[in-house]
Amino acid sequence: MILIRYNAIAMIAGLILDLLIGDPQGWPHPVIWIGKWISFCDKKIRAKAAGDSAKLRRGSVWMTASTVLLSMAVTAAVLRAAAFGGTYVLLAAMTIISWTCLASKSLAKEANGVQKALEQSLEAGRKQVGRIVGRDTASLSSEEIVAATVETVAENTTDGIVSPLIYLFLGGPVLAMGFKAASTLDSMEGYLDEKYRDIGWSGAKLDDLLNYVPARISGHLMCLAAFLTGTDGKNAYRIMKRDHANHLSPNCAWTESAAAGALHVQLGGSHEYFGKVIEKPTIGDKDRGIEPGDIRKTNRLMYGTTFLAAGLLLLIGLTL
């Protein structure tokens, strides 16, 4: 139980750093190195597979396993070395690594950047939202840009914040970095188009599995956060119950539907990815048109959900 308390302390300390500092420009973030490894594996697998679907899928399993296990092994080695410096050095190392696993401030900053860009021009908004979404943005309207930003903040509340918090609590930085590796793999390779369908399937499936429980926790916490942040918590829960399965992913719509209900807007629908239209069901009711101000409201939902998740985990850790 002492280990759980260490995990909880490092988790909260890392979250505080993330809330205060975010992701500093030029910081040697572990995701950069994870991304380099994924790119290296991608090239090697494609060269050997020569377009063969079965070989690409076998390579996908190898890439997923090596990315996750190598990330965890390096993290464990760093913490092992830090332990020789004593408890405080170990906790400091755990805190710093925990900090790199979280993305609340950077997520809010990027979303706010979209709102500010839209105030300048539609083209600036399209360019800015392209930093945080995987879809084509060249022809998006102002409303579509705002909706894409709201969806991104809501979705990433799970895989960028709540899931890492849970894994930091359960297994410390080692397990959380394994999750971060799987998440990075999914964001780089987990697409349904012909280029990535086979080579990215293993990472996408693992990411779905690791986010399965956290997504459902996040959705319920976001409904509670809606009550605390001045939006409609009752409608958030109603829409979440109704529309949580309205997504190609088994996890994304839990927080997206909670956010849509809290704001009384409609999200989802068909989008264009890499020149191909992907049909998706809608989420929420179009009680009103979506507005740029909904970006800041969604950020408040994200922060509220973050504080609730961290507080709940800390309470559990202190009682064990």
Protein backbone atom coordinates (compact mmCIF):
# COMPACT_ATOMS: atom_id res chain seq x y z
CA MET A 1 0.00 0.00 0.00
CA ILE A 2 3.01 2.29 0.45
CA LEU A 3 3.63 2.03 -3.30
CA ILE A 4 0.05 3.14 -4.03
CA ARG A 5 0.59 6.17 -1.79
CA TYR A 6 3.82 7.02 -3.59
CA ASN A 7 1.95 6.70 -6.88
CA ALA A 8 -0.82 8.97 -5.60
CA ILE A 9 1.63 11.62 -4.37
CA ALA A 10 3.57 11.62 -7.64
CA MET A 11 0.31 11.67 -9.61
CA ILE A 12 -0.97 14.78 -7.81
CA ALA A 13 2.41 16.52 -7.92
CA GLY A 14 2.72 15.74 -11.64
CA LEU A 15 -0.79 17.07 -12.25
CA ILE A 16 0.03 20.30 -10.43
CA LEU A 17 3.09 20.76 -12.65
CA ASP A 18 0.98 20.07 -15.73
CA LEU A 19 -1.67 22.58 -14.66
CA LEU A 20 0.95 25.24 -13.92
CA ILE A 21 3.49 24.67 -16.67
CA GLY A 22 1.95 22.40 -19.28
CA ASP A 23 4.31 21.18 -22.01
CA PRO A 24 7.17 23.72 -22.28
CA GLN A 25 8.42 24.55 -25.76
CA GLY A 26 11.59 22.59 -26.50
CA TRP A 27 11.12 20.22 -23.57
CA PRO A 28 12.54 16.76 -24.46
CA HIS A 29 9.17 15.07 -24.06
CA PRO A 30 9.19 11.24 -23.99
CA VAL A 31 6.46 11.18 -26.66
CA ILE A 32 8.98 12.61 -29.13
CA TRP A 33 11.25 9.60 -28.65
CA ILE A 34 8.33 7.20 -28.67
CA GLY A 35 7.24 8.76 -31.96
CA LYS A 36 10.72 8.34 -33.43
CA TRP A 37 10.69 4.65 -32.52
CA ILE A 38 7.25 4.19 -34.08
CA SER A 39 8.39 5.90 -37.29
CA PHE A 40 11.48 3.67 -37.39
CA CYS A 41 9.36 0.53 -36.93
CA ASP A 42 6.85 1.68 -39.52
CA LYS A 43 9.55 2.03 -42.18
CA LYS A 44 11.11 -1.34 -41.36
CA ILE A 45 7.77 -3.19 -41.36
CA ARG A 46 6.58 -1.64 -44.63
CA ALA A 47 9.89 -2.45 -46.33
CA LYS A 48 9.69 -6.12 -45.32
CA ALA A 49 5.94 -6.53 -45.87
CA ALA A 50 5.97 -5.03 -49.37
CA GLY A 51 2.24 -4.35 -49.14
CA ASP A 52 1.23 -7.82 -47.89
CA SER A 53 -1.69 -7.38 -45.49
CA ALA A 54 -0.89 -10.39 -43.29
CA LYS A 55 2.75 -9.34 -42.91
CA LEU A 56 1.71 -5.78 -42.07
CA ARG A 57 -0.57 -7.09 -39.33
CA ARG A 58 2.13 -9.30 -37.87
CA GLY A 59 4.46 -6.33 -37.96
CA SER A 60 1.79 -4.27 -36.25
CA VAL A 61 1.77 -6.67 -33.29
CA TRP A 62 5.56 -6.50 -33.05
CA MET A 63 5.56 -2.70 -33.27
CA THR A 64 2.88 -2.41 -30.59
CA ALA A 65 4.60 -4.80 -28.19
CA SER A 66 8.06 -3.31 -28.68
CA THR A 67 6.84 0.29 -28.34
CA VAL A 68 4.94 -0.34 -25.11
CA LEU A 69 7.46 -2.65 -23.47
CA LEU A 70 10.47 -0.54 -24.40
CA SER A 71 8.79 2.60 -23.04
CA MET A 72 8.00 0.83 -19.77
CA ALA A 73 11.50 -0.67 -19.52
CA VAL A 74 13.23 2.70 -20.00
CA THR A 75 10.94 4.30 -17.41
CA ALA A 76 11.61 1.50 -14.93
CA ALA A 77 15.37 1.87 -15.47
CA VAL A 78 15.20 5.63 -14.81
CA LEU A 79 13.24 5.11 -11.61
CA ARG A 80 15.57 2.30 -10.54
CA ALA A 81 18.52 4.65 -10.90
CA ALA A 82 16.67 7.42 -9.05
CA ALA A 83 15.95 5.07 -6.15
CA PHE A 84 19.65 4.96 -5.33
CA GLY A 85 19.35 8.64 -4.38
CA GLY A 86 16.77 7.91 -1.73
CA THR A 87 13.03 8.41 -1.30
CA TYR A 88 12.89 12.10 -2.21
CA VAL A 89 14.92 11.67 -5.39
CA LEU A 90 12.69 8.76 -6.39
CA LEU A 91 9.53 10.78 -5.74
CA ALA A 92 10.95 13.69 -7.72
CA ALA A 93 11.65 11.40 -10.68
CA MET A 94 8.20 9.86 -10.40
CA THR A 95 6.65 13.34 -10.34
CA ILE A 96 8.51 14.54 -13.43
CA ILE A 97 7.60 11.44 -15.42
CA SER A 98 3.98 11.70 -14.21
CA TRP A 99 3.95 15.30 -15.43
CA THR A 100 4.92 14.18 -18.96
CA CYS A 101 2.01 11.73 -19.05
CA LEU A 102 -0.64 14.45 -18.61
CA ALA A 103 -1.93 17.03 -21.06
CA SER A 104 -4.56 19.26 -19.44
CA LYS A 105 -2.90 22.65 -19.87
CA SER A 106 -1.61 21.98 -23.38
CA LEU A 107 -5.04 20.69 -24.45
CA ALA A 108 -6.77 23.81 -23.11
CA LYS A 109 -4.10 26.05 -24.64
CA GLU A 110 -4.49 24.53 -28.11
CA ALA A 111 -8.28 24.76 -27.88
CA ASN A 112 -8.17 28.39 -26.77
CA GLY A 113 -5.79 29.01 -29.65
CA VAL A 114 -8.49 27.88 -32.08
CA GLN A 115 -10.97 30.35 -30.59
CA LYS A 116 -8.45 33.20 -30.83
CA ALA A 117 -7.56 32.24 -34.40
CA LEU A 118 -11.23 32.28 -35.39
CA GLU A 119 -11.48 35.83 -34.09
CA GLN A 120 -8.81 36.75 -36.67
CA SER A 121 -10.17 34.89 -39.69
CA LEU A 122 -11.79 31.67 -40.83
CA GLU A 123 -8.58 30.58 -42.55
CA ALA A 124 -6.58 31.13 -39.35
CA GLY A 125 -9.12 29.00 -37.48
CA ARG A 126 -8.82 26.20 -40.04
CA LYS A 127 -5.05 26.25 -39.77
CA GLN A 128 -5.08 26.24 -35.96
CA VAL A 129 -7.63 23.44 -35.60
CA GLY A 130 -5.51 21.37 -37.97
CA ARG A 131 -2.96 21.15 -35.15
CA ILE A 132 -5.30 19.11 -32.96
CA VAL A 133 -7.52 17.08 -35.31
CA GLY A 134 -6.80 14.37 -37.85
CA ARG A 135 -9.51 15.34 -40.33
CA ASP A 136 -9.22 17.61 -43.37
CA THR A 137 -9.78 21.21 -42.30
CA ALA A 138 -9.44 23.20 -45.55
CA SER A 139 -13.19 23.54 -46.12
CA LEU A 140 -14.51 23.63 -42.54
CA SER A 141 -16.99 26.34 -41.60
CA SER A 142 -16.65 28.33 -38.38
CA GLU A 143 -19.25 26.11 -36.68
CA GLU A 144 -17.48 22.95 -37.84
CA ILE A 145 -14.16 24.25 -36.50
CA VAL A 146 -15.71 24.91 -33.09
CA ALA A 147 -17.41 21.50 -33.08
CA ALA A 148 -14.14 19.77 -34.00
CA THR A 149 -12.39 21.57 -31.13
CA VAL A 150 -15.12 20.69 -28.63
CA GLU A 151 -15.01 17.04 -29.74
CA THR A 152 -11.21 16.95 -29.42
CA VAL A 153 -11.17 18.43 -25.92
CA ALA A 154 -13.96 16.10 -24.77
CA GLU A 155 -12.35 13.01 -26.29
CA ASN A 156 -8.87 13.81 -25.00
CA THR A 157 -10.18 14.37 -21.50
CA THR A 158 -10.15 10.58 -21.36
CA ASP A 159 -6.95 9.53 -23.12
CA GLY A 160 -4.93 12.64 -22.33
CA ILE A 161 -5.86 13.09 -18.68
CA VAL A 162 -8.18 10.65 -16.89
CA SER A 163 -6.67 7.45 -18.30
CA PRO A 164 -3.09 8.54 -17.45
CA LEU A 165 -4.24 9.55 -13.94
CA ILE A 166 -5.75 6.10 -13.40
CA TYR A 167 -2.67 4.29 -14.68
CA LEU A 168 -0.38 6.54 -12.66
CA PHE A 169 -2.37 5.61 -9.59
CA LEU A 170 -2.48 1.87 -10.30
CA GLY A 171 1.02 1.28 -11.62
CA GLY A 172 2.95 4.50 -11.27
CA PRO A 173 4.96 6.10 -14.09
CA VAL A 174 5.96 2.72 -15.56
CA LEU A 175 2.38 1.66 -16.32
CA ALA A 176 1.35 5.18 -17.30
CA MET A 177 4.22 5.45 -19.78
CA GLY A 178 3.14 2.12 -21.27
CA PHE A 179 -0.31 3.61 -21.74
CA LYS A 180 1.20 6.78 -23.22
CA ALA A 181 3.13 4.67 -25.72
CA ALA A 182 -0.05 2.86 -26.79
CA SER A 183 -1.88 6.18 -27.08
CA THR A 184 0.90 7.68 -29.21
CA LEU A 185 0.90 4.61 -31.43
CA ASP A 186 -2.84 4.95 -31.95
CA SER A 187 -2.61 8.67 -32.74
CA MET A 188 0.14 8.05 -35.34
CA GLU A 189 -0.99 4.78 -36.90
CA GLY A 190 -4.55 4.06 -35.79
CA TYR A 191 -6.45 5.17 -38.89
CA LEU A 192 -8.96 3.25 -41.01
CA ASP A 193 -7.68 4.32 -44.42
CA GLU A 194 -5.80 1.93 -46.68
CA LYS A 195 -2.36 3.20 -45.67
CA TYR A 196 -2.78 2.49 -41.94
CA ARG A 197 -5.60 -0.06 -41.70
CA ASP A 198 -3.29 -3.08 -41.36
CA ILE A 199 -0.15 -1.64 -39.81
CA GLY A 200 -2.09 0.35 -37.23
CA TRP A 201 -4.76 -2.15 -36.17
CA SER A 202 -2.86 -3.67 -33.21
CA GLY A 203 -2.05 -0.32 -31.60
CA ALA A 204 -5.61 0.90 -32.15
CA LYS A 205 -7.08 -2.21 -30.51
CA LEU A 206 -4.75 -1.91 -27.51
CA ASP A 207 -5.62 1.76 -27.12
CA ASP A 208 -9.33 0.89 -27.19
CA LEU A 209 -8.79 -1.76 -24.52
CA LEU A 210 -6.76 0.48 -22.21
CA ASN A 211 -9.29 3.32 -22.48
CA TYR A 212 -12.38 1.14 -22.11
CA VAL A 213 -12.96 1.55 -18.37
CA PRO A 214 -11.45 5.06 -18.05
CA ALA A 215 -13.73 6.35 -20.84
CA ARG A 216 -16.82 5.29 -18.94
CA ILE A 217 -15.50 6.79 -15.71
CA SER A 218 -14.65 10.00 -17.57
CA GLY A 219 -18.13 10.27 -19.05
CA HIS A 220 -19.83 10.03 -15.66
CA LEU A 221 -17.35 12.43 -14.06
CA MET A 222 -17.93 14.92 -16.87
CA CYS A 223 -21.66 14.83 -16.16
CA LEU A 224 -20.89 15.68 -12.54
CA ALA A 225 -18.44 18.36 -13.68
CA ALA A 226 -21.26 19.91 -15.74
CA PHE A 227 -23.21 20.53 -12.54
CA LEU A 228 -20.13 22.15 -10.98
CA THR A 229 -19.23 24.36 -13.95
CA GLY A 230 -22.58 25.96 -14.71
CA THR A 231 -23.67 23.78 -17.64
CA ASP A 232 -26.52 21.26 -17.77
CA GLY A 233 -25.45 18.16 -15.85
CA LYS A 234 -28.87 16.54 -16.06
CA ASN A 235 -28.95 16.79 -19.84
CA ALA A 236 -25.31 15.69 -20.03
CA TYR A 237 -26.25 12.44 -18.30
CA ARG A 238 -29.35 11.97 -20.48
CA ILE A 239 -27.46 12.41 -23.73
CA MET A 240 -24.55 10.28 -22.51
CA LYS A 241 -26.91 7.39 -21.72
CA ARG A 242 -28.54 7.73 -25.14
CA ASP A 243 -25.59 8.49 -27.44
CA HIS A 244 -22.50 6.95 -25.79
CA ALA A 245 -22.32 4.32 -28.55
CA ASN A 246 -22.67 6.79 -31.44
CA HIS A 247 -19.05 6.61 -32.55
CA LEU A 248 -16.78 4.29 -34.51
CA SER A 249 -14.64 4.06 -31.38
CA PRO A 250 -16.07 2.19 -28.37
CA ASN A 251 -14.76 4.92 -26.06
CA CYS A 252 -14.81 8.40 -27.60
CA ALA A 253 -18.53 9.08 -27.42
CA TRP A 254 -18.76 8.78 -23.63
CA THR A 255 -17.20 12.17 -22.98
CA GLU A 256 -18.27 13.65 -26.33
CA SER A 257 -21.92 12.86 -25.58
CA ALA A 258 -21.59 14.21 -22.03
CA ALA A 259 -20.13 17.46 -23.41
CA ALA A 260 -22.79 17.70 -26.13
CA GLY A 261 -25.54 17.25 -23.57
CA ALA A 262 -24.02 19.71 -21.13
CA LEU A 263 -23.80 22.36 -23.86
CA HIS A 264 -27.08 21.49 -25.63
CA VAL A 265 -25.29 21.18 -28.99
CA GLN A 266 -24.87 18.48 -31.61
CA LEU A 267 -21.48 16.91 -32.33
CA GLY A 268 -20.28 14.05 -34.51
CA GLY A 269 -21.62 13.41 -37.99
CA SER A 270 -19.64 12.65 -41.15
CA HIS A 271 -16.12 14.06 -41.58
CA GLU A 272 -13.46 13.95 -44.27
CA TYR A 273 -10.19 12.16 -43.49
CA PHE A 274 -7.36 12.05 -46.04
CA GLY A 275 -9.79 12.88 -48.84
CA LYS A 276 -12.30 10.19 -47.86
CA VAL A 277 -15.64 10.88 -46.16
CA ILE A 278 -16.17 8.77 -43.04
CA GLU A 279 -19.82 8.35 -42.10
CA LYS A 280 -20.50 8.84 -38.39
CA PRO A 281 -23.72 9.20 -36.40
CA THR A 282 -24.49 12.48 -34.68
CA ILE A 283 -24.13 12.97 -30.92
CA GLY A 284 -26.49 15.16 -28.92
CA ASP A 285 -29.44 17.34 -29.91
CA LYS A 286 -29.14 20.55 -31.87
CA ASP A 287 -31.00 22.65 -29.32
CA ARG A 288 -28.93 25.62 -30.47
CA GLY A 289 -26.10 26.42 -32.83
CA ILE A 290 -22.58 25.82 -31.58
CA GLU A 291 -20.59 29.00 -30.81
CA PRO A 292 -16.90 29.87 -30.27
CA GLY A 293 -17.62 30.43 -26.56
CA ASP A 294 -18.42 26.72 -26.25
CA ILE A 295 -14.69 26.02 -26.52
CA ARG A 296 -14.02 27.69 -23.17
CA LYS A 297 -17.05 25.96 -21.65
CA THR A 298 -15.67 22.60 -22.80
CA ASN A 299 -12.30 23.47 -21.29
CA ARG A 300 -14.06 24.08 -17.99
CA LEU A 301 -15.74 20.68 -18.30
CA MET A 302 -12.32 19.15 -18.96
CA TYR A 303 -10.76 20.81 -15.93
CA GLY A 304 -13.73 19.89 -13.74
CA THR A 305 -13.47 16.26 -14.82
CA THR A 306 -9.72 16.33 -14.18
CA PHE A 307 -10.09 17.64 -10.62
CA LEU A 308 -12.84 15.12 -9.84
CA ALA A 309 -10.78 12.19 -11.15
CA ALA A 310 -7.62 13.27 -9.33
CA GLY A 311 -9.49 13.96 -6.10
CA LEU A 312 -11.24 10.59 -6.18
CA LEU A 313 -8.01 8.71 -6.83
CA LEU A 314 -6.17 10.63 -4.12
CA LEU A 315 -8.94 9.87 -1.63
CA ILE A 316 -8.71 6.17 -2.47
CA GLY A 317 -4.95 6.27 -2.11
CA LEU A 318 -5.05 7.95 1.28
CA THR A 319 -7.56 5.45 2.66
CA LEU A 320 -5.63 2.35 1.61
